[in-house]
């Protein structure tokens, strides 16, 4: 759709007329329908890829947070043990 921003109305009409001459009036709706279906499938595939990427990165992010929590807990235990040994 962003490409259409750089095409003026007259250019769109000329392109439409060329397509009409090449494919005929009966074939244009079929071609438009096919293009629409293709664009919808492409959008669905893109959305699926984005969703899968988001899901997989959230799992990795959660794993990193869990790992960080474990390290902090271990560091706290070591620190407490050192303090306890120093006090004794």
PDB file of N, CA and C in Angstrom:
ATOM      1  N   UNK A   1       0.822  -1.192   0.000  1.00  0.00           N
ATOM      2  CA  UNK A   1       0.000   0.000   0.000  1.00  0.00           C
ATOM      3  C   UNK A   1       0.860   1.248   0.000  1.00  0.00           C
ATOM      4  N   UNK A   2       2.040   1.186   0.620  1.00  0.00           N
ATOM      5  CA  UNK A   2       2.921   2.334   0.682  1.00  0.00           C
ATOM      6  C   UNK A   2       3.431   2.736  -0.701  1.00  0.00           C
ATOM      7  N   UNK A   3       3.504   1.788  -1.636  1.00  0.00           N
ATOM      8  CA  UNK A   3       3.973   2.087  -2.979  1.00  0.00           C
ATOM      9  C   UNK A   3       2.957   2.961  -3.704  1.00  0.00           C
ATOM     10  N   UNK A   4       1.696   2.782  -3.414  1.00  0.00           N
ATOM     11  CA  UNK A   4       0.656   3.569  -4.082  1.00  0.00           C
ATOM     12  C   UNK A   4       0.745   5.045  -3.736  1.00  0.00           C
ATOM     13  N   UNK A   5       1.428   5.393  -2.684  1.00  0.00           N
ATOM     14  CA  UNK A   5       1.555   6.791  -2.308  1.00  0.00           C
ATOM     15  C   UNK A   5       2.376   7.569  -3.332  1.00  0.00           C
ATOM     16  N   UNK A   6       3.255   6.889  -4.062  1.00  0.00           N
ATOM     17  CA  UNK A   6       4.115   7.555  -5.017  1.00  0.00           C
ATOM     18  C   UNK A   6       3.572   7.482  -6.440  1.00  0.00           C
ATOM     19  N   UNK A   7       2.379   6.916  -6.600  1.00  0.00           N
ATOM     20  CA  UNK A   7       1.752   6.799  -7.919  1.00  0.00           C
ATOM     21  C   UNK A   7       0.557   7.738  -7.953  1.00  0.00           C
ATOM     22  N   UNK A   8       0.516   8.571  -8.982  1.00  0.00           N
ATOM     23  CA  UNK A   8      -0.601   9.519  -9.085  1.00  0.00           C
ATOM     24  C   UNK A   8      -1.841   8.823  -9.645  1.00  0.00           C
ATOM     25  N   UNK A   9      -2.957   9.519  -9.604  1.00  0.00           N
ATOM     26  CA  UNK A   9      -4.219   8.962 -10.093  1.00  0.00           C
ATOM     27  C   UNK A   9      -4.172   8.619 -11.566  1.00  0.00           C
ATOM     28  N   UNK A  10      -3.525   9.474 -12.358  1.00  0.00           N
ATOM     29  CA  UNK A  10      -3.433   9.218 -13.796  1.00  0.00           C
ATOM     30  C   UNK A  10      -2.621   7.960 -14.076  1.00  0.00           C
ATOM     31  N   UNK A  11      -1.557   7.745 -13.317  1.00  0.00           N
ATOM     32  CA  UNK A  11      -0.738   6.553 -13.526  1.00  0.00           C
ATOM     33  C   UNK A  11      -1.503   5.289 -13.178  1.00  0.00           C
ATOM     34  N   UNK A  12      -2.320   5.363 -12.141  1.00  0.00           N
ATOM     35  CA  UNK A  12      -3.140   4.205 -11.757  1.00  0.00           C
ATOM     36  C   UNK A  12      -4.136   3.882 -12.866  1.00  0.00           C
ATOM     37  N   UNK A  13      -4.734   4.894 -13.448  1.00  0.00           N
ATOM     38  CA  UNK A  13      -5.696   4.684 -14.539  1.00  0.00           C
ATOM     39  C   UNK A  13      -4.998   4.045 -15.737  1.00  0.00           C
ATOM     40  N   UNK A  14      -3.815   4.530 -16.095  1.00  0.00           N
ATOM     41  CA  UNK A  14      -3.071   3.967 -17.231  1.00  0.00           C
ATOM     42  C   UNK A  14      -2.731   2.506 -16.947  1.00  0.00           C
ATOM     43  N   UNK A  15      -2.267   2.207 -15.741  1.00  0.00           N
ATOM     44  CA  UNK A  15      -1.943   0.820 -15.387  1.00  0.00           C
ATOM     45  C   UNK A  15      -3.185  -0.052 -15.472  1.00  0.00           C
ATOM     46  N   UNK A  16      -4.309   0.448 -14.954  1.00  0.00           N
ATOM     47  CA  UNK A  16      -5.563  -0.309 -15.006  1.00  0.00           C
ATOM     48  C   UNK A  16      -5.981  -0.584 -16.450  1.00  0.00           C
ATOM     49  N   UNK A  17      -5.851   0.415 -17.315  1.00  0.00           N
ATOM     50  CA  UNK A  17      -6.216   0.229 -18.727  1.00  0.00           C
ATOM     51  C   UNK A  17      -5.308  -0.800 -19.409  1.00  0.00           C
ATOM     52  N   UNK A  18      -4.019  -0.771 -19.096  1.00  0.00           N
ATOM     53  CA  UNK A  18      -3.102  -1.755 -19.680  1.00  0.00           C
ATOM     54  C   UNK A  18      -3.473  -3.160 -19.209  1.00  0.00           C
ATOM     55  N   UNK A  19      -3.762  -3.287 -17.911  1.00  0.00           N
ATOM     56  CA  UNK A  19      -4.184  -4.590 -17.393  1.00  0.00           C
ATOM     57  C   UNK A  19      -5.479  -5.055 -18.044  1.00  0.00           C
ATOM     58  N   UNK A  20      -6.393  -4.132 -18.241  1.00  0.00           N
ATOM     59  CA  UNK A  20      -7.673  -4.459 -18.876  1.00  0.00           C
ATOM     60  C   UNK A  20      -7.453  -4.957 -20.298  1.00  0.00           C
ATOM     61  N   UNK A  21      -6.541  -4.324 -21.023  1.00  0.00           N
ATOM     62  CA  UNK A  21      -6.242  -4.754 -22.394  1.00  0.00           C
ATOM     63  C   UNK A  21      -5.535  -6.111 -22.420  1.00  0.00           C
ATOM     64  N   UNK A  22      -4.632  -6.327 -21.465  1.00  0.00           N
ATOM     65  CA  UNK A  22      -3.875  -7.578 -21.452  1.00  0.00           C
ATOM     66  C   UNK A  22      -4.720  -8.773 -21.022  1.00  0.00           C
ATOM     67  N   UNK A  23      -5.529  -8.596 -19.989  1.00  0.00           N
ATOM     68  CA  UNK A  23      -6.225  -9.742 -19.402  1.00  0.00           C
ATOM     69  C   UNK A  23      -7.729  -9.782 -19.687  1.00  0.00           C
ATOM     70  N   UNK A  24      -8.317  -8.696 -20.074  1.00  0.00           N
ATOM     71  CA  UNK A  24      -9.746  -8.681 -20.349  1.00  0.00           C
ATOM     72  C   UNK A  24     -10.554  -8.429 -19.077  1.00  0.00           C
ATOM     73  N   UNK A  25     -11.795  -8.028 -19.259  1.00  0.00           N
ATOM     74  CA  UNK A  25     -12.633  -7.637 -18.125  1.00  0.00           C
ATOM     75  C   UNK A  25     -13.068  -8.829 -17.272  1.00  0.00           C
ATOM     76  N   UNK A  26     -13.092 -10.028 -17.838  1.00  0.00           N
ATOM     77  CA  UNK A  26     -13.515 -11.199 -17.068  1.00  0.00           C
ATOM     78  C   UNK A  26     -12.394 -11.724 -16.165  1.00  0.00           C
ATOM     79  N   UNK A  27     -11.155 -11.533 -16.570  1.00  0.00           N
ATOM     80  CA  UNK A  27     -10.028 -12.065 -15.807  1.00  0.00           C
ATOM     81  C   UNK A  27      -9.574 -11.139 -14.682  1.00  0.00           C
ATOM     82  N   UNK A  28      -9.802  -9.837 -14.807  1.00  0.00           N
ATOM     83  CA  UNK A  28      -9.321  -8.896 -13.789  1.00  0.00           C
ATOM     84  C   UNK A  28      -9.876  -9.183 -12.391  1.00  0.00           C
ATOM     85  N   UNK A  29     -11.178  -9.447 -12.218  1.00  0.00           N
ATOM     86  CA  UNK A  29     -11.658  -9.756 -10.862  1.00  0.00           C
ATOM     87  C   UNK A  29     -11.013 -11.018 -10.283  1.00  0.00           C
ATOM     88  N   UNK A  30     -10.765 -12.017 -11.141  1.00  0.00           N
ATOM     89  CA  UNK A  30     -10.104 -13.241 -10.669  1.00  0.00           C
ATOM     90  C   UNK A  30      -8.683 -12.936 -10.205  1.00  0.00           C
ATOM     91  N   UNK A  31      -7.992 -12.122 -10.989  1.00  0.00           N
ATOM     92  CA  UNK A  31      -6.620 -11.755 -10.634  1.00  0.00           C
ATOM     93  C   UNK A  31      -6.607 -10.954  -9.333  1.00  0.00           C
ATOM     94  N   UNK A  32      -7.527 -10.014  -9.212  1.00  0.00           N
ATOM     95  CA  UNK A  32      -7.604  -9.201  -7.989  1.00  0.00           C
ATOM     96  C   UNK A  32      -7.914 -10.076  -6.778  1.00  0.00           C
ATOM     97  N   UNK A  33      -8.826 -11.027  -6.931  1.00  0.00           N
ATOM     98  CA  UNK A  33      -9.169 -11.942  -5.839  1.00  0.00           C
ATOM     99  C   UNK A  33      -7.952 -12.781  -5.431  1.00  0.00           C
ATOM    100  N   UNK A  34      -7.248 -13.275  -6.437  1.00  0.00           N
ATOM    101  CA  UNK A  34      -6.056 -14.085  -6.170  1.00  0.00           C
ATOM    102  C   UNK A  34      -4.995 -13.261  -5.454  1.00  0.00           C
ATOM    103  N   UNK A  35      -4.788 -12.030  -5.901  1.00  0.00           N
ATOM    104  CA  UNK A  35      -3.827 -11.154  -5.229  1.00  0.00           C
ATOM    105  C   UNK A  35      -4.250 -10.870  -3.793  1.00  0.00           C
ATOM    106  N   UNK A  36      -5.543 -10.629  -3.579  1.00  0.00           N
ATOM    107  CA  UNK A  36      -6.046 -10.386  -2.228  1.00  0.00           C
ATOM    108  C   UNK A  36      -5.835 -11.576  -1.311  1.00  0.00           C
ATOM    109  N   UNK A  37      -6.116 -12.773  -1.835  1.00  0.00           N
ATOM    110  CA  UNK A  37      -5.898 -13.988  -1.034  1.00  0.00           C
ATOM    111  C   UNK A  37      -4.420 -14.174  -0.715  1.00  0.00           C
ATOM    112  N   UNK A  38      -3.580 -13.902  -1.690  1.00  0.00           N
ATOM    113  CA  UNK A  38      -2.138 -14.020  -1.480  1.00  0.00           C
ATOM    114  C   UNK A  38      -1.644 -13.044  -0.427  1.00  0.00           C
ATOM    115  N   UNK A  39      -2.143 -11.822  -0.475  1.00  0.00           N
ATOM    116  CA  UNK A  39      -1.749 -10.823   0.520  1.00  0.00           C
ATOM    117  C   UNK A  39      -2.223 -11.222   1.912  1.00  0.00           C
ATOM    118  N   UNK A  40      -3.437 -11.762   2.004  1.00  0.00           N
ATOM    119  CA  UNK A  40      -3.946 -12.222   3.305  1.00  0.00           C
ATOM    120  C   UNK A  40      -3.108 -13.364   3.854  1.00  0.00           C
ATOM    121  N   UNK A  41      -2.733 -14.317   3.006  1.00  0.00           N
ATOM    122  CA  UNK A  41      -1.898 -15.435   3.441  1.00  0.00           C
ATOM    123  C   UNK A  41      -0.526 -14.938   3.896  1.00  0.00           C
ATOM    124  N   UNK A  42       0.011 -13.983   3.166  1.00  0.00           N
ATOM    125  CA  UNK A  42       1.312 -13.412   3.547  1.00  0.00           C
ATOM    126  C   UNK A  42       1.213 -12.717   4.905  1.00  0.00           C
ATOM    127  N   UNK A  43       0.132 -11.980   5.116  1.00  0.00           N
ATOM    128  CA  UNK A  43      -0.057 -11.285   6.396  1.00  0.00           C
ATOM    129  C   UNK A  43      -0.210 -12.297   7.538  1.00  0.00           C
ATOM    130  N   UNK A  44      -0.981 -13.364   7.304  1.00  0.00           N
ATOM    131  CA  UNK A  44      -1.148 -14.396   8.330  1.00  0.00           C
ATOM    132  C   UNK A  44       0.179 -15.056   8.666  1.00  0.00           C
ATOM    133  N   UNK A  45       0.965 -15.364   7.635  1.00  0.00           N
ATOM    134  CA  UNK A  45       2.266 -15.996   7.858  1.00  0.00           C
ATOM    135  C   UNK A  45       3.187 -15.063   8.637  1.00  0.00           C
ATOM    136  N   UNK A  46       3.173 -13.791   8.295  1.00  0.00           N
ATOM    137  CA  UNK A  46       3.992 -12.811   9.008  1.00  0.00           C
ATOM    138  C   UNK A  46       3.560 -12.703  10.463  1.00  0.00           C
ATOM    139  N   UNK A  47       2.255 -12.654  10.706  1.00  0.00           N
ATOM    140  CA  UNK A  47       1.746 -12.586  12.080  1.00  0.00           C
ATOM    141  C   UNK A  47       2.123 -13.836  12.873  1.00  0.00           C
ATOM    142  N   UNK A  48       2.040 -15.008  12.222  1.00  0.00           N
ATOM    143  CA  UNK A  48       2.429 -16.255  12.895  1.00  0.00           C
ATOM    144  C   UNK A  48       3.908 -16.250  13.271  1.00  0.00           C
ATOM    145  N   UNK A  49       4.740 -15.754  12.371  1.00  0.00           N
ATOM    146  CA  UNK A  49       6.174 -15.688  12.649  1.00  0.00           C
ATOM    147  C   UNK A  49       6.436 -14.729  13.808  1.00  0.00           C
ATOM    148  N   UNK A  50       5.776 -13.578  13.799  1.00  0.00           N
ATOM    149  CA  UNK A  50       5.941 -12.610  14.892  1.00  0.00           C
ATOM    150  C   UNK A  50       5.502 -13.217  16.222  1.00  0.00           C
ATOM    151  N   UNK A  51       4.370 -13.924  16.210  1.00  0.00           N
ATOM    152  CA  UNK A  51       3.851 -14.532  17.440  1.00  0.00           C
ATOM    153  C   UNK A  51       4.817 -15.603  17.951  1.00  0.00           C
ATOM    154  N   UNK A  52       5.310 -16.435  17.053  1.00  0.00           N
ATOM    155  CA  UNK A  52       6.245 -17.496  17.435  1.00  0.00           C
ATOM    156  C   UNK A  52       7.528 -16.902  18.011  1.00  0.00           C
ATOM    157  N   UNK A  53       8.026 -15.849  17.386  1.00  0.00           N
ATOM    158  CA  UNK A  53       9.238 -15.191  17.874  1.00  0.00           C
ATOM    159  C   UNK A  53       9.001 -14.600  19.259  1.00  0.00           C
ATOM    160  N   UNK A  54       7.853 -13.959  19.431  1.00  0.00           N
ATOM    161  CA  UNK A  54       7.529 -13.359  20.732  1.00  0.00           C
ATOM    162  C   UNK A  54       7.411 -14.439  21.807  1.00  0.00           C
ATOM    163  N   UNK A  55       6.744 -15.544  21.474  1.00  0.00           N
ATOM    164  CA  UNK A  55       6.587 -16.635  22.440  1.00  0.00           C
ATOM    165  C   UNK A  55       7.935 -17.234  22.828  1.00  0.00           C
ATOM    166  N   UNK A  56       8.785 -17.471  21.839  1.00  0.00           N
ATOM    167  CA  UNK A  56      10.075 -18.098  22.133  1.00  0.00           C
ATOM    168  C   UNK A  56      10.988 -17.153  22.902  1.00  0.00           C
ATOM    169  N   UNK A  57      10.936 -15.867  22.608  1.00  0.00           N
ATOM    170  CA  UNK A  57      11.781 -14.933  23.341  1.00  0.00           C
ATOM    171  C   UNK A  57      11.290 -14.738  24.763  1.00  0.00           C
ATOM    172  N   UNK A  58       9.986 -14.847  24.984  1.00  0.00           N
ATOM    173  CA  UNK A  58       9.482 -14.706  26.350  1.00  0.00           C
ATOM    174  C   UNK A  58       9.915 -15.893  27.207  1.00  0.00           C
ATOM    175  N   UNK A  59       9.996 -17.085  26.605  1.00  0.00           N
ATOM    176  CA  UNK A  59      10.475 -18.254  27.338  1.00  0.00           C
ATOM    177  C   UNK A  59      11.943 -18.084  27.718  1.00  0.00           C
ATOM    178  N   UNK A  60      12.750 -17.604  26.782  1.00  0.00           N
ATOM    179  CA  UNK A  60      14.169 -17.382  27.052  1.00  0.00           C
ATOM    180  C   UNK A  60      14.327 -16.308  28.118  1.00  0.00           C
ATOM    181  N   UNK A  61      13.538 -15.257  28.009  1.00  0.00           N
ATOM    182  CA  UNK A  61      13.599 -14.179  28.997  1.00  0.00           C
ATOM    183  C   UNK A  61      13.256 -14.697  30.387  1.00  0.00           C
ATOM    184  N   UNK A  62      12.248 -15.542  30.475  1.00  0.00           N
ATOM    185  CA  UNK A  62      11.870 -16.120  31.773  1.00  0.00           C
ATOM    186  C   UNK A  62      12.983 -17.016  32.306  1.00  0.00           C
ATOM    187  N   UNK A  63      13.613 -17.791  31.440  1.00  0.00           N
ATOM    188  CA  UNK A  63      14.734 -18.637  31.859  1.00  0.00           C
ATOM    189  C   UNK A  63      15.875 -17.791  32.408  1.00  0.00           C
ATOM    190  N   UNK A  64      16.173 -16.677  31.756  1.00  0.00           N
ATOM    191  CA  UNK A  64      17.241 -15.791  32.221  1.00  0.00           C
ATOM    192  C   UNK A  64      16.891 -15.202  33.582  1.00  0.00           C
ATOM    193  N   UNK A  65      15.637 -14.795  33.760  1.00  0.00           N
ATOM    194  CA  UNK A  65      15.215 -14.245  35.061  1.00  0.00           C
ATOM    195  C   UNK A  65      15.333 -15.300  36.159  1.00  0.00           C
ATOM    196  N   UNK A  66      14.930 -16.533  35.861  1.00  0.00           N
ATOM    197  CA  UNK A  66      15.051 -17.614  36.846  1.00  0.00           C
ATOM    198  C   UNK A  66      16.514 -17.869  37.196  1.00  0.00           C
ATOM    199  N   UNK A  67      17.374 -17.869  36.183  1.00  0.00           N
ATOM    200  CA  UNK A  67      18.796 -18.082  36.396  1.00  0.00           C
ATOM    201  C   UNK A  67      19.388 -16.964  37.259  1.00  0.00           C
ATOM    202  N   UNK A  68      18.986 -15.733  36.975  1.00  0.00           N
ATOM    203  CA  UNK A  68      19.458 -14.584  37.754  1.00  0.00           C
ATOM    204  C   UNK A  68      19.016 -14.708  39.213  1.00  0.00           C
ATOM    205  N   UNK A  69      17.768 -15.131  39.417  1.00  0.00           N
ATOM    206  CA  UNK A  69      17.252 -15.299  40.772  1.00  0.00           C
ATOM    207  C   UNK A  69      18.037 -16.366  41.523  1.00  0.00           C
ATOM    208  N   UNK A  70      18.357 -17.464  40.858  1.00  0.00           N
ATOM    209  CA  UNK A  70      19.150 -18.529  41.480  1.00  0.00           C
ATOM    210  C   UNK A  70      20.552 -18.034  41.848  1.00  0.00           C
ATOM    211  N   UNK A  71      21.170 -17.270  40.963  1.00  0.00           N
ATOM    212  CA  UNK A  71      22.507 -16.751  41.235  1.00  0.00           C
ATOM    213  C   UNK A  71      22.469 -15.794  42.425  1.00  0.00           C
ATOM    214  N   UNK A  72      21.468 -14.913  42.458  1.00  0.00           N
ATOM    215  CA  UNK A  72      21.353 -13.980  43.590  1.00  0.00           C
ATOM    216  C   UNK A  72      21.163 -14.744  44.906  1.00  0.00           C
ATOM    217  N   UNK A  73      20.352 -15.793  44.867  1.00  0.00           N
ATOM    218  CA  UNK A  73      20.113 -16.601  46.075  1.00  0.00           C
ATOM    219  C   UNK A  73      21.410 -17.266  46.527  1.00  0.00           C
ATOM    220  N   UNK A  74      22.143 -17.850  45.581  1.00  0.00           N
ATOM    221  CA  UNK A  74      23.411 -18.500  45.920  1.00  0.00           C
ATOM    222  C   UNK A  74      24.416 -17.485  46.460  1.00  0.00           C
ATOM    223  N   UNK A  75      24.475 -16.316  45.853  1.00  0.00           N
ATOM    224  CA  UNK A  75      25.401 -15.279  46.309  1.00  0.00           C
ATOM    225  C   UNK A  75      25.038 -14.817  47.713  1.00  0.00           C
ATOM    226  N   UNK A  76      23.756 -14.698  47.990  1.00  0.00           N
ATOM    227  CA  UNK A  76      23.300 -14.296  49.322  1.00  0.00           C
ATOM    228  C   UNK A  76      23.682 -15.352  50.359  1.00  0.00           C
ATOM    229  N   UNK A  77      23.499 -16.616  50.003  1.00  0.00           N
ATOM    230  CA  UNK A  77      23.867 -17.706  50.924  1.00  0.00           C
ATOM    231  C   UNK A  77      25.369 -17.706  51.198  1.00  0.00           C
ATOM    232  N   UNK A  78      26.176 -17.504  50.165  1.00  0.00           N
ATOM    233  CA  UNK A  78      27.629 -17.468  50.334  1.00  0.00           C
ATOM    234  C   UNK A  78      28.018 -16.284  51.220  1.00  0.00           C
ATOM    235  N   UNK A  79      27.406 -15.146  50.949  1.00  0.00           N
ATOM    236  CA  UNK A  79      27.679 -13.950  51.750  1.00  0.00           C
ATOM    237  C   UNK A  79      27.304 -14.171  53.209  1.00  0.00           C
ATOM    238  N   UNK A  80      26.151 -14.770  53.444  1.00  0.00           N
ATOM    239  CA  UNK A  80      25.715 -15.046  54.815  1.00  0.00           C
ATOM    240  C   UNK A  80      26.674 -16.017  55.505  1.00  0.00           C
ATOM    241  N   UNK A  81      27.131 -17.036  54.783  1.00  0.00           N
ATOM    242  CA  UNK A  81      28.086 -18.003  55.352  1.00  0.00           C
ATOM    243  C   UNK A  81      29.412 -17.332  55.703  1.00  0.00           C
ATOM    244  N   UNK A  82      29.874 -16.438  54.847  1.00  0.00           N
ATOM    245  CA  UNK A  82      31.134 -15.732  55.114  1.00  0.00           C
ATOM    246  C   UNK A  82      30.985 -14.856  56.357  1.00  0.00           C
ATOM    247  N   UNK A  83      29.857 -14.116  56.433  1.00  0.00           N
ATOM    248  CA  UNK A  83      29.613 -13.271  57.604  1.00  0.00           C
ATOM    249  C   UNK A  83      29.542 -14.102  58.867  1.00  0.00           C
ATOM    250  N   UNK A  84      28.903 -15.251  58.776  1.00  0.00           N
ATOM    251  CA  UNK A  84      28.754 -16.129  59.941  1.00  0.00           C
ATOM    252  C   UNK A  84      30.123 -16.653  60.394  1.00  0.00           C
ATOM    253  N   UNK A  85      30.977 -17.027  59.417  1.00  0.00           N
ATOM    254  CA  UNK A  85      32.316 -17.522  59.751  1.00  0.00           C
ATOM    255  C   UNK A  85      33.197 -16.424  60.330  1.00  0.00           C
ATOM    256  N   UNK A  86      33.025 -15.199  59.869  1.00  0.00           N
ATOM    257  CA  UNK A  86      33.804 -14.089  60.385  1.00  0.00           C
ATOM    258  C   UNK A  86      33.419 -13.775  61.833  1.00  0.00           C
ATOM    259  N   UNK A  87      32.129 -13.842  62.122  1.00  0.00           N
ATOM    260  CA  UNK A  87      31.629 -13.538  63.452  1.00  0.00           C
ATOM    261  C   UNK A  87      32.035 -14.603  64.476  1.00  0.00           C
ATOM    262  N   UNK A  88      32.205 -15.823  64.012  1.00  0.00           N
ATOM    263  CA  UNK A  88      32.567 -16.915  64.942  1.00  0.00           C
ATOM    264  C   UNK A  88      33.963 -16.878  65.316  1.00  0.00           C
TER     265      UNK A  88
END
